[in-house]
Amino acid sequence: MFEHLLVPIDGSPQSLRAVDGAVAFARERGARITFFHARSNVPISIYGVGELINPDTLQDLINAAKESSDQILGQALEVAKAAGVAATADGVVDDLPAEAILAAAEQHRPDLIFMSSHGRRGLSALLLGSQTQRVITKASLPVLVYR
């Protein structure tokens, strides 16, 4: 039934556990995975002080965000490879992770979104992370929430 999973990850411990769960889920079903990471180009904490930042420093921050994203996706790909699960990775620059996940679902056409219950930003929600709740509410395909 599920042949292709979209697995959004953010590098948090919760999403890394979801990678393991998604890989096991995919292996049992012979499914393939697209790991997905939406990153901010510039950390939110510096938006208000942009005029104080050297342009070289800004570029360094952008480069660091890209390197971090590549590392997060690379680690997930290694887990899948070690388990013999076919996987690809996609990363985008977007400050709205839930909307980016939904756009990735439209682009990659998975049968299921497999995501952690909380990520880096979702700890303020009582039962589910705020990004996870947004995806569940707006997705047009099944969403499996991994705890």
C-alpha atoms as a PDB file:
ATOM      1  CA  MET A   1       0.000   0.000   0.000  1.00  0.00           C
ATOM      2  CA  PHE A   2       2.747   2.480   0.911  1.00  0.00           C
ATOM      3  CA  GLU A   3       5.464   2.535  -1.734  1.00  0.00           C
ATOM      4  CA  HIS A   4       6.934   6.002  -1.199  1.00  0.00           C
ATOM      5  CA  LEU A   5       7.362   7.889   2.071  1.00  0.00           C
ATOM      6  CA  LEU A   6       8.144  11.565   2.564  1.00  0.00           C
ATOM      7  CA  VAL A   7      10.099  11.925   5.801  1.00  0.00           C
ATOM      8  CA  PRO A   8      10.579  15.533   6.953  1.00  0.00           C
ATOM      9  CA  ILE A   9      13.539  15.925   9.311  1.00  0.00           C
ATOM     10  CA  ASP A  10      15.106  18.831  11.164  1.00  0.00           C
ATOM     11  CA  GLY A  11      18.054  17.235  12.944  1.00  0.00           C
ATOM     12  CA  SER A  12      16.355  17.174  16.348  1.00  0.00           C
ATOM     13  CA  PRO A  13      16.609  13.980  18.417  1.00  0.00           C
ATOM     14  CA  GLN A  14      12.909  13.348  17.744  1.00  0.00           C
ATOM     15  CA  SER A  15      13.308  13.557  13.983  1.00  0.00           C
ATOM     16  CA  LEU A  16      16.390  11.319  14.098  1.00  0.00           C
ATOM     17  CA  ARG A  17      14.303   8.684  15.884  1.00  0.00           C
ATOM     18  CA  ALA A  18      11.670   9.132  13.175  1.00  0.00           C
ATOM     19  CA  VAL A  19      14.356   8.414  10.553  1.00  0.00           C
ATOM     20  CA  ASP A  20      15.005   5.047  12.216  1.00  0.00           C
ATOM     21  CA  GLY A  21      11.280   4.349  12.421  1.00  0.00           C
ATOM     22  CA  ALA A  22      10.656   5.362   8.813  1.00  0.00           C
ATOM     23  CA  VAL A  23      13.527   3.227   7.542  1.00  0.00           C
ATOM     24  CA  ALA A  24      12.204   0.180   9.425  1.00  0.00           C
ATOM     25  CA  PHE A  25       8.669   0.905   8.176  1.00  0.00           C
ATOM     26  CA  ALA A  26       9.907   1.251   4.579  1.00  0.00           C
ATOM     27  CA  ARG A  27      12.097  -1.858   4.754  1.00  0.00           C
ATOM     28  CA  GLU A  28       9.150  -3.988   5.932  1.00  0.00           C
ATOM     29  CA  ARG A  29       7.044  -2.769   3.008  1.00  0.00           C
ATOM     30  CA  GLY A  30       9.648  -2.511   0.270  1.00  0.00           C
ATOM     31  CA  ALA A  31       9.008   1.232   0.090  1.00  0.00           C
ATOM     32  CA  ARG A  32      11.373   4.025  -0.865  1.00  0.00           C
ATOM     33  CA  ILE A  33      11.946   7.234   1.074  1.00  0.00           C
ATOM     34  CA  THR A  34      12.419  10.880   0.249  1.00  0.00           C
ATOM     35  CA  PHE A  35      14.004  12.646   3.214  1.00  0.00           C
ATOM     36  CA  PHE A  36      13.136  16.337   3.324  1.00  0.00           C
ATOM     37  CA  HIS A  37      14.604  19.280   5.208  1.00  0.00           C
ATOM     38  CA  ALA A  38      13.381  22.891   5.145  1.00  0.00           C
ATOM     39  CA  ARG A  39      15.937  25.336   6.490  1.00  0.00           C
ATOM     40  CA  SER A  40      15.965  29.030   7.200  1.00  0.00           C
ATOM     41  CA  ASN A  41      18.503  30.952   5.203  1.00  0.00           C
ATOM     42  CA  VAL A  42      19.251  33.210   8.148  1.00  0.00           C
ATOM     43  CA  PRO A  43      18.591  32.336  11.790  1.00  0.00           C
ATOM     44  CA  ILE A  44      15.486  34.116  13.053  1.00  0.00           C
ATOM     45  CA  SER A  45      17.363  35.697  15.940  1.00  0.00           C
ATOM     46  CA  ILE A  46      19.314  38.020  13.626  1.00  0.00           C
ATOM     47  CA  TYR A  47      16.472  39.365  11.489  1.00  0.00           C
ATOM     48  CA  GLY A  48      16.040  42.423  13.687  1.00  0.00           C
ATOM     49  CA  VAL A  49      19.712  43.346  13.648  1.00  0.00           C
ATOM     50  CA  GLY A  50      20.397  42.808   9.970  1.00  0.00           C
ATOM     51  CA  GLU A  51      21.842  46.271   9.510  1.00  0.00           C
ATOM     52  CA  LEU A  52      24.523  45.443  12.093  1.00  0.00           C
ATOM     53  CA  ILE A  53      25.769  42.322  10.332  1.00  0.00           C
ATOM     54  CA  ASN A  54      28.680  42.340   7.967  1.00  0.00           C
ATOM     55  CA  PRO A  55      27.635  40.918   4.553  1.00  0.00           C
ATOM     56  CA  ASP A  56      30.452  38.371   4.813  1.00  0.00           C
ATOM     57  CA  THR A  57      29.073  37.205   8.152  1.00  0.00           C
ATOM     58  CA  LEU A  58      25.624  36.874   6.608  1.00  0.00           C
ATOM     59  CA  GLN A  59      27.028  34.730   3.797  1.00  0.00           C
ATOM     60  CA  ASP A  60      28.860  32.611   6.373  1.00  0.00           C
ATOM     61  CA  LEU A  61      25.550  32.044   8.180  1.00  0.00           C
ATOM     62  CA  ILE A  62      23.834  31.071   4.929  1.00  0.00           C
ATOM     63  CA  ASN A  63      26.666  28.663   4.116  1.00  0.00           C
ATOM     64  CA  ALA A  64      26.528  27.167   7.619  1.00  0.00           C
ATOM     65  CA  ALA A  65      22.770  26.599   7.292  1.00  0.00           C
ATOM     66  CA  LYS A  66      23.310  24.804   3.967  1.00  0.00           C
ATOM     67  CA  GLU A  67      26.091  22.654   5.423  1.00  0.00           C
ATOM     68  CA  SER A  68      23.922  21.744   8.401  1.00  0.00           C
ATOM     69  CA  SER A  69      21.041  20.796   6.098  1.00  0.00           C
ATOM     70  CA  ASP A  70      23.332  18.675   3.938  1.00  0.00           C
ATOM     71  CA  GLN A  71      24.654  16.922   7.044  1.00  0.00           C
ATOM     72  CA  ILE A  72      21.155  16.215   8.398  1.00  0.00           C
ATOM     73  CA  LEU A  73      20.035  14.768   5.069  1.00  0.00           C
ATOM     74  CA  GLY A  74      23.294  12.864   4.608  1.00  0.00           C
ATOM     75  CA  GLN A  75      22.927  11.140   7.970  1.00  0.00           C
ATOM     76  CA  ALA A  76      19.400  10.043   7.088  1.00  0.00           C
ATOM     77  CA  LEU A  77      20.555   8.703   3.723  1.00  0.00           C
ATOM     78  CA  GLU A  78      23.278   6.690   5.467  1.00  0.00           C
ATOM     79  CA  VAL A  79      20.727   5.087   7.809  1.00  0.00           C
ATOM     80  CA  ALA A  80      18.569   4.089   4.835  1.00  0.00           C
ATOM     81  CA  LYS A  81      21.552   2.799   2.862  1.00  0.00           C
ATOM     82  CA  ALA A  82      22.725   0.668   5.795  1.00  0.00           C
ATOM     83  CA  ALA A  83      19.249  -0.901   5.957  1.00  0.00           C
ATOM     84  CA  GLY A  84      19.052  -1.482   2.213  1.00  0.00           C
ATOM     85  CA  VAL A  85      16.227   1.017   1.719  1.00  0.00           C
ATOM     86  CA  ALA A  86      16.181   3.154  -1.435  1.00  0.00           C
ATOM     87  CA  ALA A  87      16.226   6.817  -0.469  1.00  0.00           C
ATOM     88  CA  THR A  88      16.751  10.281  -1.882  1.00  0.00           C
ATOM     89  CA  ALA A  89      16.997  13.663  -0.208  1.00  0.00           C
ATOM     90  CA  ASP A  90      15.608  17.106  -0.892  1.00  0.00           C
ATOM     91  CA  GLY A  91      16.262  20.340   0.940  1.00  0.00           C
ATOM     92  CA  VAL A  92      14.810  23.790   0.471  1.00  0.00           C
ATOM     93  CA  VAL A  93      15.154  27.242   1.973  1.00  0.00           C
ATOM     94  CA  ASP A  94      11.845  28.114   3.615  1.00  0.00           C
ATOM     95  CA  ASP A  95      10.977  29.751   6.931  1.00  0.00           C
ATOM     96  CA  LEU A  96       7.603  27.982   7.011  1.00  0.00           C
ATOM     97  CA  PRO A  97       8.407  24.279   7.510  1.00  0.00           C
ATOM     98  CA  ALA A  98       4.829  22.971   7.393  1.00  0.00           C
ATOM     99  CA  GLU A  99       4.102  24.720   4.117  1.00  0.00           C
ATOM    100  CA  ALA A 100       7.421  23.506   2.704  1.00  0.00           C
ATOM    101  CA  ILE A 101       6.562  19.926   3.701  1.00  0.00           C
ATOM    102  CA  LEU A 102       3.179  20.194   1.996  1.00  0.00           C
ATOM    103  CA  ALA A 103       4.813  21.611  -1.143  1.00  0.00           C
ATOM    104  CA  ALA A 104       7.337  18.761  -1.088  1.00  0.00           C
ATOM    105  CA  ALA A 105       4.459  16.295  -0.870  1.00  0.00           C
ATOM    106  CA  GLU A 106       2.935  17.867  -3.983  1.00  0.00           C
ATOM    107  CA  GLN A 107       6.268  17.702  -5.795  1.00  0.00           C
ATOM    108  CA  HIS A 108       7.405  14.201  -4.787  1.00  0.00           C
ATOM    109  CA  ARG A 109       3.958  12.530  -4.667  1.00  0.00           C
ATOM    110  CA  PRO A 110       4.516  10.155  -1.725  1.00  0.00           C
ATOM    111  CA  ASP A 111       1.834   7.788  -0.461  1.00  0.00           C
ATOM    112  CA  LEU A 112       2.492   8.794   3.142  1.00  0.00           C
ATOM    113  CA  ILE A 113       4.132  11.572   5.145  1.00  0.00           C
ATOM    114  CA  PHE A 114       6.043   9.961   8.029  1.00  0.00           C
ATOM    115  CA  MET A 115       7.095  12.570  10.583  1.00  0.00           C
ATOM    116  CA  SER A 116       8.035  13.005  14.214  1.00  0.00           C
ATOM    117  CA  SER A 117       5.538  14.338  16.707  1.00  0.00           C
ATOM    118  CA  HIS A 118       7.824  17.213  17.687  1.00  0.00           C
ATOM    119  CA  GLY A 119      10.847  18.898  16.235  1.00  0.00           C
ATOM    120  CA  ARG A 120      13.000  21.812  17.190  1.00  0.00           C
ATOM    121  CA  ARG A 121      10.121  24.283  17.065  1.00  0.00           C
ATOM    122  CA  GLY A 122       7.242  22.145  18.284  1.00  0.00           C
ATOM    123  CA  LEU A 123       7.935  21.775  21.989  1.00  0.00           C
ATOM    124  CA  SER A 124       5.469  24.497  22.921  1.00  0.00           C
ATOM    125  CA  ALA A 125       2.488  22.471  21.754  1.00  0.00           C
ATOM    126  CA  LEU A 126       0.858  20.242  24.336  1.00  0.00           C
ATOM    127  CA  LEU A 127       0.385  16.989  22.411  1.00  0.00           C
ATOM    128  CA  LEU A 128       1.837  17.531  18.959  1.00  0.00           C
ATOM    129  CA  GLY A 129       4.381  19.921  17.574  1.00  0.00           C
ATOM    130  CA  SER A 130       2.962  22.964  15.852  1.00  0.00           C
ATOM    131  CA  GLN A 131       4.497  22.076  12.474  1.00  0.00           C
ATOM    132  CA  THR A 132       3.203  18.513  12.733  1.00  0.00           C
ATOM    133  CA  GLN A 133      -0.278  19.789  13.555  1.00  0.00           C
ATOM    134  CA  ARG A 134      -0.240  22.092  10.535  1.00  0.00           C
ATOM    135  CA  VAL A 135       0.794  19.253   8.231  1.00  0.00           C
ATOM    136  CA  ILE A 136      -1.887  16.928   9.618  1.00  0.00           C
ATOM    137  CA  THR A 137      -4.536  19.617   9.215  1.00  0.00           C
ATOM    138  CA  LYS A 138      -3.640  20.592   5.659  1.00  0.00           C
ATOM    139  CA  ALA A 139      -2.281  17.390   4.079  1.00  0.00           C
ATOM    140  CA  SER A 140      -4.261  15.682   1.359  1.00  0.00           C
ATOM    141  CA  LEU A 141      -2.600  12.321   2.030  1.00  0.00           C
ATOM    142  CA  PRO A 142      -2.107  10.156   5.125  1.00  0.00           C
ATOM    143  CA  VAL A 143       0.302  11.394   7.799  1.00  0.00           C
ATOM    144  CA  LEU A 144       1.894   8.957  10.229  1.00  0.00           C
ATOM    145  CA  VAL A 145       3.076  10.685  13.405  1.00  0.00           C
ATOM    146  CA  TYR A 146       6.017   8.885  14.998  1.00  0.00           C
ATOM    147  CA  ARG A 147       6.589   9.282  18.753  1.00  0.00           C
END
